[in-house]
Amino acid sequence: MNTLIIYSTVDGQTISICQRIAQRLVDAKHQVTVVDIKDVTQQQLIDAEQIVMGASIRYGKHRPALYNFIATNQALITSKLNSFFSVNVVARKPEKNTPETNPYIQKFLQLSAWQPQLLAVFAGKIDYPKYGFFDKMMIRFIMWITKGPTDTSGTFEFTNWHKVDEFAKRLSEQ
């Protein structure tokens, strides 16, 4: 199967998750292309049999490019096997780590006319040393409010890679 994995990311954890999914799909004999949402071509969309989209959250929102891309390409996306996953640090909490309980997936479904066939949510990563001063302080404040890690010298990865592998397995069985 020809699978196109499209990502929208701020800090790179979504790319890492896409690469892991891609490797699992290649292992399952898929042909896989991983591409940034801003670089997707019409031909890639046409040639794909399956479209997987992954997008990260920053300050409570998916990036506008995600919604613009969907609005422009919705007919083509929905004509294929399709899926969506969100990457956000809120998903580190057990009560918010499923599509049904994650507020960002629910918000996405309300804001987007596209209703993916398969949904997933993965916890992201906080990499304080990588952030500029403003982002570091804002994310630290958000983490303080939500009882997350606030040590700005640290990097905290919350991604459950087993859960990513399970999602990839479901994609390979479609």
Protein backbone atom coordinates (compact mmCIF):
# COMPACT_ATOMS: atom_id res chain seq x y z
CA MET A 1 0.00 0.00 0.00
CA ASN A 2 1.19 3.51 -0.80
CA THR A 3 0.93 5.53 2.43
CA LEU A 4 1.46 9.28 2.69
CA ILE A 5 2.25 10.57 6.18
CA ILE A 6 1.80 14.33 6.53
CA TYR A 7 2.97 16.23 9.58
CA SER A 8 2.57 19.65 11.15
CA THR A 9 5.05 20.21 13.96
CA VAL A 10 6.53 22.99 16.05
CA ASP A 11 9.42 21.31 17.88
CA GLY A 12 9.91 18.00 16.06
CA GLN A 13 8.28 15.34 18.24
CA THR A 14 5.53 14.86 15.66
CA ILE A 15 8.21 14.14 13.04
CA SER A 16 9.76 11.53 15.35
CA ILE A 17 6.37 9.86 15.78
CA CYS A 18 5.76 9.95 12.01
CA GLN A 19 9.14 8.36 11.38
CA ARG A 20 8.37 5.58 13.85
CA ILE A 21 4.99 4.94 12.18
CA ALA A 22 6.66 5.01 8.76
CA GLN A 23 9.24 2.42 9.83
CA ARG A 24 6.54 0.09 11.16
CA LEU A 25 4.58 0.47 7.91
CA VAL A 26 7.69 -0.20 5.80
CA ASP A 27 8.22 -3.33 7.90
CA ALA A 28 4.66 -4.29 6.92
CA LYS A 29 5.57 -3.83 3.22
CA HIS A 30 3.99 -0.39 2.70
CA GLN A 31 5.55 2.23 0.47
CA VAL A 32 5.74 5.31 2.70
CA THR A 33 6.40 8.98 2.12
CA VAL A 34 6.72 11.35 5.09
CA VAL A 35 6.28 15.03 4.24
CA ASP A 36 5.78 18.38 5.96
CA ILE A 37 2.28 19.74 5.44
CA LYS A 38 3.68 22.82 3.69
CA ASP A 39 5.49 20.65 1.11
CA VAL A 40 2.76 18.16 0.11
CA THR A 41 2.08 18.01 -3.62
CA GLN A 42 -1.22 17.25 -5.31
CA GLN A 43 0.44 14.30 -7.01
CA GLN A 44 1.43 12.81 -3.64
CA LEU A 45 -2.18 13.07 -2.49
CA ILE A 46 -3.48 11.54 -5.72
CA ASP A 47 -0.97 8.65 -5.63
CA ALA A 48 -1.58 7.78 -1.97
CA GLU A 49 -3.89 4.94 -1.07
CA GLN A 50 -3.76 5.91 2.60
CA ILE A 51 -3.25 9.36 4.12
CA VAL A 52 -2.08 9.74 7.72
CA MET A 53 -1.90 13.22 9.23
CA GLY A 54 -0.19 14.12 12.49
CA ALA A 55 -0.19 17.54 14.12
CA SER A 56 1.17 19.01 17.32
CA ILE A 57 -0.37 21.45 19.75
CA ARG A 58 1.23 24.69 20.86
CA TYR A 59 -0.57 26.95 23.34
CA GLY A 60 -3.77 24.97 23.03
CA LYS A 61 -4.11 24.99 19.25
CA HIS A 62 -3.19 23.06 16.15
CA ARG A 63 -1.45 25.30 13.63
CA PRO A 64 -3.63 27.17 11.09
CA ALA A 65 -1.79 25.43 8.22
CA LEU A 66 -3.47 22.16 9.26
CA TYR A 67 -6.98 23.53 8.88
CA ASN A 68 -6.09 25.33 5.64
CA PHE A 69 -4.64 22.14 4.17
CA ILE A 70 -7.71 20.14 5.14
CA ALA A 71 -10.11 22.74 3.72
CA THR A 72 -8.21 22.78 0.42
CA ASN A 73 -7.84 18.99 0.10
CA GLN A 74 -10.76 17.49 2.00
CA ALA A 75 -12.37 15.73 -0.97
CA LEU A 76 -9.13 14.01 -1.90
CA ILE A 77 -8.32 13.10 1.71
CA THR A 78 -11.73 11.58 2.34
CA SER A 79 -11.55 9.56 -0.89
CA LYS A 80 -8.66 7.55 0.62
CA LEU A 81 -8.13 5.53 3.75
CA ASN A 82 -7.40 8.33 6.19
CA SER A 83 -6.40 8.94 9.77
CA PHE A 84 -5.32 11.72 12.10
CA PHE A 85 -3.33 11.91 15.29
CA SER A 86 -2.60 14.79 17.63
CA VAL A 87 0.56 15.20 19.68
CA ASN A 88 0.13 17.13 22.91
CA VAL A 89 1.54 17.11 26.42
CA VAL A 90 -1.95 16.98 27.95
CA ALA A 91 -2.09 13.38 26.70
CA ARG A 92 0.51 12.47 29.34
CA LYS A 93 -2.43 12.24 31.73
CA PRO A 94 -4.25 8.88 31.67
CA GLU A 95 -7.64 10.56 31.76
CA LYS A 96 -6.80 12.58 28.60
CA ASN A 97 -4.88 10.13 26.44
CA THR A 98 -7.60 8.74 24.16
CA PRO A 99 -9.35 10.45 21.23
CA GLU A 100 -12.59 10.40 23.23
CA THR A 101 -11.07 12.10 26.28
CA ASN A 102 -8.42 14.39 24.81
CA PRO A 103 -9.67 17.98 24.61
CA TYR A 104 -7.51 18.82 21.57
CA ILE A 105 -8.84 15.93 19.49
CA GLN A 106 -12.37 16.91 20.47
CA LYS A 107 -11.67 20.54 19.54
CA PHE A 108 -10.14 19.41 16.22
CA LEU A 109 -13.26 17.40 15.40
CA GLN A 110 -15.43 20.45 16.11
CA LEU A 111 -13.31 22.85 14.03
CA SER A 112 -12.60 20.58 11.06
CA ALA A 113 -15.10 19.51 8.44
CA TRP A 114 -12.96 16.39 7.96
CA GLN A 115 -13.88 13.50 10.23
CA PRO A 116 -11.00 10.99 10.00
CA GLN A 117 -11.70 7.27 9.79
CA LEU A 118 -9.12 6.53 12.48
CA LEU A 119 -7.99 8.78 15.33
CA ALA A 120 -5.15 8.66 17.85
CA VAL A 121 -3.52 10.92 20.38
CA PHE A 122 0.03 10.72 21.67
CA ALA A 123 1.73 12.53 24.50
CA GLY A 124 4.49 14.81 23.32
CA LYS A 125 7.76 16.07 24.70
CA ILE A 126 8.94 19.12 26.60
CA ASP A 127 12.47 20.17 25.71
CA TYR A 128 13.09 23.26 27.82
CA PRO A 129 16.75 23.79 26.75
CA LYS A 130 15.61 24.01 23.10
CA TYR A 131 13.07 26.81 23.70
CA GLY A 132 13.60 30.53 23.59
CA PHE A 133 13.01 32.54 26.75
CA PHE A 134 9.33 33.34 26.09
CA ASP A 135 8.33 29.79 25.17
CA LYS A 136 10.34 28.38 28.06
CA MET A 137 8.57 30.61 30.58
CA MET A 138 5.10 30.12 29.06
CA ILE A 139 5.43 26.34 28.89
CA ARG A 140 6.86 26.27 32.42
CA PHE A 141 3.86 28.28 33.64
CA ILE A 142 1.45 25.93 31.87
CA MET A 143 3.25 22.94 33.38
CA TRP A 144 3.09 24.52 36.83
CA ILE A 145 -0.69 24.98 36.46
CA THR A 146 -1.17 21.40 35.19
CA LYS A 147 1.27 19.83 37.66
CA GLY A 148 3.83 18.93 35.00
CA PRO A 149 7.63 19.25 35.04
CA THR A 150 8.92 22.78 35.58
CA ASP A 151 12.70 22.23 35.70
CA THR A 152 13.81 24.34 32.73
CA SER A 153 17.14 22.55 32.50
CA GLY A 154 15.41 19.27 31.62
CA THR A 155 13.89 17.44 28.68
CA PHE A 156 10.78 15.36 29.40
CA GLU A 157 9.49 12.87 26.86
CA PHE A 158 6.00 11.55 27.51
CA THR A 159 5.41 9.68 24.24
CA ASN A 160 4.25 6.11 24.75
CA TRP A 161 6.07 4.41 21.87
CA HIS A 162 4.17 1.17 22.39
CA LYS A 163 0.95 3.10 21.74
CA VAL A 164 2.50 4.58 18.57
CA ASP A 165 3.42 1.05 17.43
CA GLU A 166 -0.15 -0.13 18.08
CA PHE A 167 -1.50 2.72 15.93
CA ALA A 168 0.94 1.83 13.15
CA LYS A 169 -0.23 -1.79 13.33
CA ARG A 170 -3.84 -0.67 12.92
CA LEU A 171 -2.79 1.41 9.90
CA SER A 172 -1.00 -1.55 8.36
CA GLU A 173 -4.13 -3.71 8.69
CA GLN A 174 -6.46 -1.30 6.87
